[in-house]
C-alpha atoms as a PDB file:
ATOM      1  CA  MET A   1     -15.632 -15.527  32.215  1.00  0.00           C
ATOM      2  CA  LEU A   2     -15.558 -14.212  28.612  1.00  0.00           C
ATOM      3  CA  THR A   3     -12.040 -13.143  27.674  1.00  0.00           C
ATOM      4  CA  GLN A   4     -12.587 -12.157  24.066  1.00  0.00           C
ATOM      5  CA  ILE A   5     -15.667 -11.958  21.842  1.00  0.00           C
ATOM      6  CA  GLU A   6     -15.760 -14.115  18.789  1.00  0.00           C
ATOM      7  CA  LEU A   7     -15.791 -11.897  15.681  1.00  0.00           C
ATOM      8  CA  SER A   8     -18.378 -13.325  13.202  1.00  0.00           C
ATOM      9  CA  ASP A   9     -18.300 -12.103   9.686  1.00  0.00           C
ATOM     10  CA  ASP A  10     -21.119  -9.698  10.393  1.00  0.00           C
ATOM     11  CA  LEU A  11     -19.390  -8.307  13.586  1.00  0.00           C
ATOM     12  CA  GLN A  12     -16.091  -7.955  11.669  1.00  0.00           C
ATOM     13  CA  THR A  13     -17.942  -5.966   8.930  1.00  0.00           C
ATOM     14  CA  TYR A  14     -19.556  -3.915  11.685  1.00  0.00           C
ATOM     15  CA  VAL A  15     -16.163  -3.127  13.516  1.00  0.00           C
ATOM     16  CA  ARG A  16     -14.583  -2.348  10.101  1.00  0.00           C
ATOM     17  CA  GLY A  17     -17.461  -0.006   9.363  1.00  0.00           C
ATOM     18  CA  VAL A  18     -17.387   2.058  12.526  1.00  0.00           C
ATOM     19  CA  SER A  19     -13.724   2.063  12.919  1.00  0.00           C
ATOM     20  CA  LEU A  20     -11.702   2.169   9.612  1.00  0.00           C
ATOM     21  CA  ARG A  21     -11.137   5.334   8.109  1.00  0.00           C
ATOM     22  CA  ASP A  22      -9.809   4.415   4.649  1.00  0.00           C
ATOM     23  CA  THR A  23      -8.288   6.440   1.941  1.00  0.00           C
ATOM     24  CA  LEU A  24      -8.286   5.870  -1.763  1.00  0.00           C
ATOM     25  CA  LEU A  25      -4.500   5.599  -1.788  1.00  0.00           C
ATOM     26  CA  LEU A  26      -4.452   3.103   0.964  1.00  0.00           C
ATOM     27  CA  ARG A  27      -7.170   1.121  -0.782  1.00  0.00           C
ATOM     28  CA  GLU A  28      -5.175   1.104  -4.143  1.00  0.00           C
ATOM     29  CA  LEU A  29      -1.982  -0.162  -2.408  1.00  0.00           C
ATOM     30  CA  ARG A  30      -3.918  -2.996  -0.769  1.00  0.00           C
ATOM     31  CA  GLU A  31      -5.590  -3.948  -3.992  1.00  0.00           C
ATOM     32  CA  GLU A  32      -2.245  -3.851  -5.973  1.00  0.00           C
ATOM     33  CA  THR A  33      -0.548  -5.937  -3.295  1.00  0.00           C
ATOM     34  CA  ALA A  34      -3.535  -8.506  -3.218  1.00  0.00           C
ATOM     35  CA  HIS A  35      -2.450  -9.568  -6.768  1.00  0.00           C
ATOM     36  CA  LEU A  36       1.082 -10.301  -5.752  1.00  0.00           C
ATOM     37  CA  PRO A  37       2.464 -13.871  -4.959  1.00  0.00           C
ATOM     38  CA  LEU A  38       3.314 -12.980  -1.285  1.00  0.00           C
ATOM     39  CA  ALA A  39       0.034 -10.946  -0.719  1.00  0.00           C
ATOM     40  CA  SER A  40      -0.385 -12.554   2.757  1.00  0.00           C
ATOM     41  CA  MET A  41       2.595 -10.584   4.058  1.00  0.00           C
ATOM     42  CA  GLN A  42       0.655  -7.279   3.957  1.00  0.00           C
ATOM     43  CA  VAL A  43      -0.682  -6.046   7.229  1.00  0.00           C
ATOM     44  CA  SER A  44      -4.459  -5.565   7.436  1.00  0.00           C
ATOM     45  CA  ALA A  45      -6.115  -2.237   6.960  1.00  0.00           C
ATOM     46  CA  GLU A  46      -7.131  -2.326  10.723  1.00  0.00           C
ATOM     47  CA  GLN A  47      -3.474  -2.948  11.785  1.00  0.00           C
ATOM     48  CA  GLY A  48      -2.204  -0.069   9.549  1.00  0.00           C
ATOM     49  CA  GLN A  49      -4.722   2.203  11.111  1.00  0.00           C
ATOM     50  CA  PHE A  50      -3.852   1.118  14.594  1.00  0.00           C
ATOM     51  CA  LEU A  51      -0.056   1.586  14.109  1.00  0.00           C
ATOM     52  CA  ALA A  52      -0.890   5.125  12.674  1.00  0.00           C
ATOM     53  CA  THR A  53      -2.914   5.830  15.742  1.00  0.00           C
ATOM     54  CA  LEU A  54      -0.053   4.716  17.953  1.00  0.00           C
ATOM     55  CA  VAL A  55       2.289   7.020  16.180  1.00  0.00           C
ATOM     56  CA  ARG A  56      -0.074  10.038  16.732  1.00  0.00           C
ATOM     57  CA  ALA A  57      -0.628   9.106  20.330  1.00  0.00           C
ATOM     58  CA  LEU A  58       3.097   9.010  21.078  1.00  0.00           C
ATOM     59  CA  GLY A  59       3.635  12.273  19.290  1.00  0.00           C
ATOM     60  CA  ALA A  60       6.367  10.471  17.336  1.00  0.00           C
ATOM     61  CA  ARG A  61       8.668  12.435  15.112  1.00  0.00           C
ATOM     62  CA  ARG A  62      11.289   9.619  14.387  1.00  0.00           C
ATOM     63  CA  THR A  63      10.158   6.187  13.607  1.00  0.00           C
ATOM     64  CA  LEU A  64      11.810   2.968  12.431  1.00  0.00           C
ATOM     65  CA  GLU A  65      10.374   0.157  10.282  1.00  0.00           C
ATOM     66  CA  VAL A  66      12.010  -3.238   9.813  1.00  0.00           C
ATOM     67  CA  GLY A  67      10.328  -5.237   6.787  1.00  0.00           C
ATOM     68  CA  VAL A  68       8.605  -2.917   4.496  1.00  0.00           C
ATOM     69  CA  PHE A  69       7.270  -5.292   1.720  1.00  0.00           C
ATOM     70  CA  THR A  70       4.987  -3.059  -0.469  1.00  0.00           C
ATOM     71  CA  GLY A  71       4.645  -0.413   2.245  1.00  0.00           C
ATOM     72  CA  TYR A  72       1.190  -0.397   3.645  1.00  0.00           C
ATOM     73  CA  SER A  73       2.275  -0.042   7.269  1.00  0.00           C
ATOM     74  CA  LEU A  74       5.017   2.380   6.132  1.00  0.00           C
ATOM     75  CA  LEU A  75       2.523   4.573   4.200  1.00  0.00           C
ATOM     76  CA  SER A  76       0.079   4.455   7.148  1.00  0.00           C
ATOM     77  CA  THR A  77       2.554   5.472   9.820  1.00  0.00           C
ATOM     78  CA  THR A  78       4.426   8.015   7.636  1.00  0.00           C
ATOM     79  CA  LEU A  79       1.022   9.843   6.822  1.00  0.00           C
ATOM     80  CA  ALA A  80       0.519  10.009  10.679  1.00  0.00           C
ATOM     81  CA  LEU A  81       3.814  11.961  11.316  1.00  0.00           C
ATOM     82  CA  PRO A  82       4.121  15.767  11.666  1.00  0.00           C
ATOM     83  CA  ALA A  83       5.640  17.796   8.889  1.00  0.00           C
ATOM     84  CA  ASP A  84       9.076  17.452  10.291  1.00  0.00           C
ATOM     85  CA  GLY A  85       8.718  13.580  10.960  1.00  0.00           C
ATOM     86  CA  ARG A  86      11.169  11.246   9.586  1.00  0.00           C
ATOM     87  CA  VAL A  87      11.255   7.299   9.041  1.00  0.00           C
ATOM     88  CA  VAL A  88      14.217   4.858   8.721  1.00  0.00           C
ATOM     89  CA  ALA A  89      12.769   1.939   6.725  1.00  0.00           C
ATOM     90  CA  CYS A  90      14.752  -1.283   6.360  1.00  0.00           C
ATOM     91  CA  ASP A  91      14.187  -4.055   3.841  1.00  0.00           C
ATOM     92  CA  SER A  92      16.162  -6.586   1.700  1.00  0.00           C
ATOM     93  CA  SER A  93      14.111  -6.299  -1.438  1.00  0.00           C
ATOM     94  CA  ARG A  94      14.181  -3.484  -4.042  1.00  0.00           C
ATOM     95  CA  VAL A  95      11.356  -5.180  -6.004  1.00  0.00           C
ATOM     96  CA  TRP A  96       8.867  -4.850  -3.239  1.00  0.00           C
ATOM     97  CA  THR A  97      10.056  -1.551  -1.811  1.00  0.00           C
ATOM     98  CA  THR A  98       9.842   0.157  -5.385  1.00  0.00           C
ATOM     99  CA  ILE A  99       6.002  -0.364  -4.924  1.00  0.00           C
ATOM    100  CA  ALA A 100       6.256   1.151  -1.572  1.00  0.00           C
ATOM    101  CA  MET A 101       8.073   4.222  -2.706  1.00  0.00           C
ATOM    102  CA  LYS A 102       5.701   4.748  -5.533  1.00  0.00           C
ATOM    103  CA  TYR A 103       2.878   5.237  -3.181  1.00  0.00           C
ATOM    104  CA  LEU A 104       4.794   7.284  -0.842  1.00  0.00           C
ATOM    105  CA  ALA A 105       5.574   9.537  -3.589  1.00  0.00           C
ATOM    106  CA  ARG A 106       1.993   9.698  -4.768  1.00  0.00           C
ATOM    107  CA  ALA A 107       1.235  10.729  -1.042  1.00  0.00           C
ATOM    108  CA  ASP A 108       3.888  13.385  -1.179  1.00  0.00           C
ATOM    109  CA  VAL A 109       5.773  11.934   1.792  1.00  0.00           C
ATOM    110  CA  SER A 110       8.620  10.115   0.291  1.00  0.00           C
ATOM    111  CA  ASP A 111      11.001  12.752   1.412  1.00  0.00           C
ATOM    112  CA  LYS A 112      10.390  11.646   4.992  1.00  0.00           C
ATOM    113  CA  VAL A 113      11.629   8.163   4.303  1.00  0.00           C
ATOM    114  CA  ASP A 114      15.243   7.077   4.457  1.00  0.00           C
ATOM    115  CA  LEU A 115      14.957   3.577   2.769  1.00  0.00           C
ATOM    116  CA  ARG A 116      17.969   1.233   3.582  1.00  0.00           C
ATOM    117  CA  ILE A 117      18.179  -1.935   1.344  1.00  0.00           C
ATOM    118  CA  GLY A 118      20.167  -4.854   2.785  1.00  0.00           C
ATOM    119  CA  ASP A 119      20.416  -6.968   5.836  1.00  0.00           C
ATOM    120  CA  ALA A 120      18.296  -5.041   8.479  1.00  0.00           C
ATOM    121  CA  ARG A 121      20.479  -6.249  11.287  1.00  0.00           C
ATOM    122  CA  GLU A 122      23.402  -4.514   9.741  1.00  0.00           C
ATOM    123  CA  SER A 123      21.345  -1.475   8.971  1.00  0.00           C
ATOM    124  CA  LEU A 124      20.281  -1.197  12.748  1.00  0.00           C
ATOM    125  CA  GLN A 125      23.909  -1.752  13.825  1.00  0.00           C
ATOM    126  CA  GLN A 126      24.874   1.022  11.507  1.00  0.00           C
ATOM    127  CA  LEU A 127      22.266   3.495  13.106  1.00  0.00           C
ATOM    128  CA  LEU A 128      23.768   2.700  16.505  1.00  0.00           C
ATOM    129  CA  ALA A 129      27.309   3.198  15.231  1.00  0.00           C
ATOM    130  CA  ASP A 130      26.151   6.488  14.021  1.00  0.00           C
ATOM    131  CA  GLY A 131      25.207   7.598  17.424  1.00  0.00           C
ATOM    132  CA  GLN A 132      21.481   7.363  16.860  1.00  0.00           C
ATOM    133  CA  ALA A 133      20.762   5.299  20.238  1.00  0.00           C
ATOM    134  CA  GLY A 134      17.789   6.745  22.100  1.00  0.00           C
ATOM    135  CA  THR A 135      16.581   9.005  19.273  1.00  0.00           C
ATOM    136  CA  PHE A 136      13.561   7.075  17.873  1.00  0.00           C
ATOM    137  CA  ASP A 137      10.046   7.369  19.234  1.00  0.00           C
ATOM    138  CA  PHE A 138       8.378   4.415  17.559  1.00  0.00           C
ATOM    139  CA  ALA A 139       9.475   1.150  15.758  1.00  0.00           C
ATOM    140  CA  PHE A 140       7.570  -1.496  13.906  1.00  0.00           C
ATOM    141  CA  VAL A 141       9.040  -4.939  13.121  1.00  0.00           C
ATOM    142  CA  ASP A 142       7.444  -7.324  10.536  1.00  0.00           C
ATOM    143  CA  ALA A 143      10.337  -9.107   8.971  1.00  0.00           C
ATOM    144  CA  ASP A 144      12.056 -12.569   9.263  1.00  0.00           C
ATOM    145  CA  LYS A 145      10.786 -14.192  12.626  1.00  0.00           C
ATOM    146  CA  VAL A 146      14.080 -15.917  13.452  1.00  0.00           C
ATOM    147  CA  SER A 147      15.705 -12.488  13.777  1.00  0.00           C
ATOM    148  CA  TYR A 148      13.058 -10.851  16.105  1.00  0.00           C
ATOM    149  CA  GLN A 149      15.211 -11.109  19.093  1.00  0.00           C
ATOM    150  CA  ALA A 150      18.141  -9.378  17.376  1.00  0.00           C
ATOM    151  CA  TYR A 151      15.756  -6.730  15.989  1.00  0.00           C
ATOM    152  CA  TYR A 152      14.284  -6.213  19.359  1.00  0.00           C
ATOM    153  CA  GLU A 153      17.614  -5.622  21.067  1.00  0.00           C
ATOM    154  CA  ALA A 154      18.631  -3.217  18.402  1.00  0.00           C
ATOM    155  CA  ALA A 155      15.371  -1.357  18.421  1.00  0.00           C
ATOM    156  CA  LEU A 156      15.402  -1.127  22.334  1.00  0.00           C
ATOM    157  CA  GLU A 157      18.675   0.677  22.123  1.00  0.00           C
ATOM    158  CA  LEU A 158      17.347   3.009  19.399  1.00  0.00           C
ATOM    159  CA  LEU A 159      14.179   3.975  21.216  1.00  0.00           C
ATOM    160  CA  ARG A 160      14.025   6.819  23.723  1.00  0.00           C
ATOM    161  CA  PRO A 161      12.582   5.985  27.117  1.00  0.00           C
ATOM    162  CA  GLY A 162       8.805   5.808  26.610  1.00  0.00           C
ATOM    163  CA  GLY A 163       9.369   4.918  23.041  1.00  0.00           C
ATOM    164  CA  THR A 164       7.269   1.983  21.659  1.00  0.00           C
ATOM    165  CA  VAL A 165       8.064  -0.940  19.503  1.00  0.00           C
ATOM    166  CA  ALA A 166       5.552  -3.231  17.783  1.00  0.00           C
ATOM    167  CA  PHE A 167       6.032  -6.739  16.525  1.00  0.00           C
ATOM    168  CA  ASP A 168       3.606  -8.410  14.033  1.00  0.00           C
ATOM    169  CA  ASN A 169       2.850 -12.186  13.503  1.00  0.00           C
ATOM    170  CA  VAL A 170       3.851 -13.243  17.145  1.00  0.00           C
ATOM    171  CA  LEU A 171       1.046 -15.912  17.286  1.00  0.00           C
ATOM    172  CA  TRP A 172       2.099 -17.323  13.917  1.00  0.00           C
ATOM    173  CA  SER A 173      -1.223 -18.683  13.044  1.00  0.00           C
ATOM    174  CA  GLY A 174      -1.414 -20.432  16.400  1.00  0.00           C
ATOM    175  CA  LEU A 175       1.710 -22.531  15.828  1.00  0.00           C
ATOM    176  CA  VAL A 176       3.368 -20.999  18.968  1.00  0.00           C
ATOM    177  CA  VAL A 177       1.260 -23.325  21.049  1.00  0.00           C
ATOM    178  CA  ALA A 178       1.976 -26.447  19.175  1.00  0.00           C
ATOM    179  CA  GLU A 179       3.375 -29.094  21.546  1.00  0.00           C
ATOM    180  CA  HIS A 180       6.457 -29.795  19.378  1.00  0.00           C
ATOM    181  CA  PRO A 181       6.521 -27.167  16.595  1.00  0.00           C
ATOM    182  CA  ALA A 182       8.480 -28.126  13.574  1.00  0.00           C
ATOM    183  CA  ASP A 183       8.304 -24.708  11.949  1.00  0.00           C
ATOM    184  CA  PRO A 184      11.512 -22.843  12.938  1.00  0.00           C
ATOM    185  CA  ASP A 185       9.581 -19.409  12.851  1.00  0.00           C
ATOM    186  CA  ALA A 186       7.120 -20.884  15.379  1.00  0.00           C
ATOM    187  CA  VAL A 187      10.045 -22.046  17.544  1.00  0.00           C
ATOM    188  CA  ALA A 188      11.808 -18.580  17.344  1.00  0.00           C
ATOM    189  CA  LEU A 189       8.593 -16.662  18.133  1.00  0.00           C
ATOM    190  CA  ARG A 190       7.757 -18.766  21.140  1.00  0.00           C
ATOM    191  CA  ALA A 191      11.175 -18.222  22.512  1.00  0.00           C
ATOM    192  CA  PHE A 192      10.816 -14.495  21.654  1.00  0.00           C
ATOM    193  CA  ASN A 193       7.467 -14.205  23.306  1.00  0.00           C
ATOM    194  CA  GLU A 194       8.643 -15.875  26.497  1.00  0.00           C
ATOM    195  CA  SER A 195      11.747 -13.611  26.635  1.00  0.00           C
ATOM    196  CA  LEU A 196       9.750 -10.442  26.371  1.00  0.00           C
ATOM    197  CA  HIS A 197       7.446 -11.625  29.135  1.00  0.00           C
ATOM    198  CA  PHE A 198      10.350 -11.640  31.594  1.00  0.00           C
ATOM    199  CA  ASP A 199      12.160  -8.550  30.348  1.00  0.00           C
ATOM    200  CA  GLU A 200      11.997  -5.809  32.865  1.00  0.00           C
ATOM    201  CA  ARG A 201      13.236  -3.227  30.477  1.00  0.00           C
ATOM    202  CA  ILE A 202       9.809  -2.927  29.043  1.00  0.00           C
ATOM    203  CA  ASP A 203       6.074  -2.842  29.619  1.00  0.00           C
ATOM    204  CA  LEU A 204       4.240  -4.955  27.140  1.00  0.00           C
ATOM    205  CA  SER A 205       0.919  -6.292  25.896  1.00  0.00           C
ATOM    206  CA  LEU A 206       0.421  -9.002  23.424  1.00  0.00           C
ATOM    207  CA  LEU A 207      -2.837  -8.292  21.445  1.00  0.00           C
ATOM    208  CA  PRO A 208      -4.722 -11.214  19.658  1.00  0.00           C
ATOM    209  CA  TYR A 209      -5.023  -8.882  16.734  1.00  0.00           C
ATOM    210  CA  GLY A 210      -4.579 -10.256  13.289  1.00  0.00           C
ATOM    211  CA  ASP A 211      -1.769 -12.859  13.690  1.00  0.00           C
ATOM    212  CA  GLY A 212      -0.853 -11.392  16.971  1.00  0.00           C
ATOM    213  CA  LEU A 213       0.582  -7.982  17.676  1.00  0.00           C
ATOM    214  CA  THR A 214       3.061  -7.327  20.569  1.00  0.00           C
ATOM    215  CA  ILE A 215       3.293  -3.806  21.850  1.00  0.00           C
ATOM    216  CA  ALA A 216       6.382  -3.048  24.148  1.00  0.00           C
ATOM    217  CA  VAL A 217       7.133   0.342  25.775  1.00  0.00           C
ATOM    218  CA  LYS A 218      10.764   0.963  26.811  1.00  0.00           C
ATOM    219  CA  ARG A 219      10.939   1.953  30.481  1.00  0.00           C
END
């Protein structure tokens, strides 16, 4: 039984041609990021559009992002919010997020973003301490992989019932299936994936999309 069609270069080009609705600003951000040393950390255009579609489908007004980098996913999802929508974005780097805020300002949506620089685990705990549990509609996590479990637990508390959290890179270039993975990120992600599989607080789907994208819906 065919479980997934192989995407040849021609088929990938076709899918992108009939699906991707690109904008000049998003293209410019992708191109600027492509010249940076850690360009591979940027989500793909298709992933950005998929996340924006999720935000719209949920009717989200409050979203959370853990791991901003240069802001491609943040810009994509912020543009999908209604006029009264707001985002809390957590990252440890002022250098990368300066690029993100530049493009958010150009899109005239920077006022929707509450950027918090520092340890994201501490930022999430502060949100909980401020009484914001159960107030978020959507969260996207694309940060240090060994902390995914901690980010997940905090995000689950912050989400409303029916809220959705997405985690990027959960297949880690296929290293999660290595017999004896030496990469600590692969070890952490394998444990994380297995823990979510048995977590009855959520409904979930792991999509073999990009480097693996898990979507979890809080029950």
